[in-house]
Protein backbone atom coordinates (compact mmCIF):
# COMPACT_ATOMS: atom_id res chain seq x y z
CA MET A 1 -0.04 0.00 0.00
CA SER A 2 1.59 3.32 -1.14
CA ASP A 3 0.11 6.55 0.04
CA SER A 4 1.45 9.35 -2.24
CA SER A 5 0.43 11.94 0.46
CA THR A 6 3.42 11.19 2.74
CA PRO A 7 6.70 12.81 2.19
CA ASP A 8 8.54 9.29 2.14
CA ALA A 9 6.18 7.78 -0.30
CA GLY A 10 8.50 8.60 -3.29
CA LEU A 11 11.44 7.19 -1.52
CA ILE A 12 9.57 3.97 -0.54
CA ASP A 13 8.36 3.52 -4.18
CA ARG A 14 11.91 3.90 -5.28
CA LEU A 15 13.35 1.46 -2.78
CA ARG A 16 10.70 -1.09 -3.99
CA LEU A 17 11.90 -0.64 -7.54
CA ILE A 18 15.46 -0.92 -6.63
CA GLU A 19 14.59 -4.29 -4.79
CA GLU A 20 13.12 -5.70 -7.87
CA GLN A 21 16.43 -5.43 -9.81
CA PRO A 22 19.12 -7.76 -10.37
CA LEU A 23 21.81 -7.57 -7.58
CA ASP A 24 24.46 -5.89 -9.68
CA THR A 25 21.98 -3.25 -10.91
CA ARG A 26 20.50 -2.96 -7.38
CA ALA A 27 23.94 -2.24 -5.85
CA ASP A 28 24.31 0.54 -8.52
CA ALA A 29 20.94 2.00 -7.76
CA TYR A 30 21.52 2.02 -3.96
CA ALA A 31 24.85 3.85 -4.38
CA ALA A 32 23.15 6.38 -6.52
CA LEU A 33 20.39 6.87 -4.16
CA HIS A 34 23.02 7.16 -1.30
CA GLU A 35 24.86 9.84 -3.16
CA GLU A 36 21.49 11.77 -4.05
CA LEU A 37 20.42 11.70 -0.32
CA ALA A 38 23.84 12.81 1.01
CA ARG A 39 23.80 15.73 -1.32
CA ARG A 40 20.29 16.67 -0.22
CA LEU A 41 21.29 16.44 3.35
CA GLU A 42 24.46 18.39 3.07
CA SER A 43 22.48 21.21 1.16
CA ALA A 44 19.68 21.41 3.73
CA PRO A 45 19.66 24.60 5.69
CA ILE A 46 21.30 24.49 9.14
CA ASP A 47 18.99 25.28 12.02
CA PRO A 48 21.10 27.50 14.35
CA THR A 49 18.53 26.87 17.28
CA ALA A 50 18.95 23.03 17.07
CA ALA A 51 20.78 21.55 20.12
CA SER A 52 24.15 20.08 19.25
């Protein structure tokens, strides 16, 4: 069951597609997803009020 109204729905759908791929393709897809998520995290605004 996929609920497209949740922020994680796109990620979950993408992970499902990756899991259906052959192992060598799956590894490359996970690596690409990891790189994309890391770039998004690094470019996110920093909250100066967040506790460290």
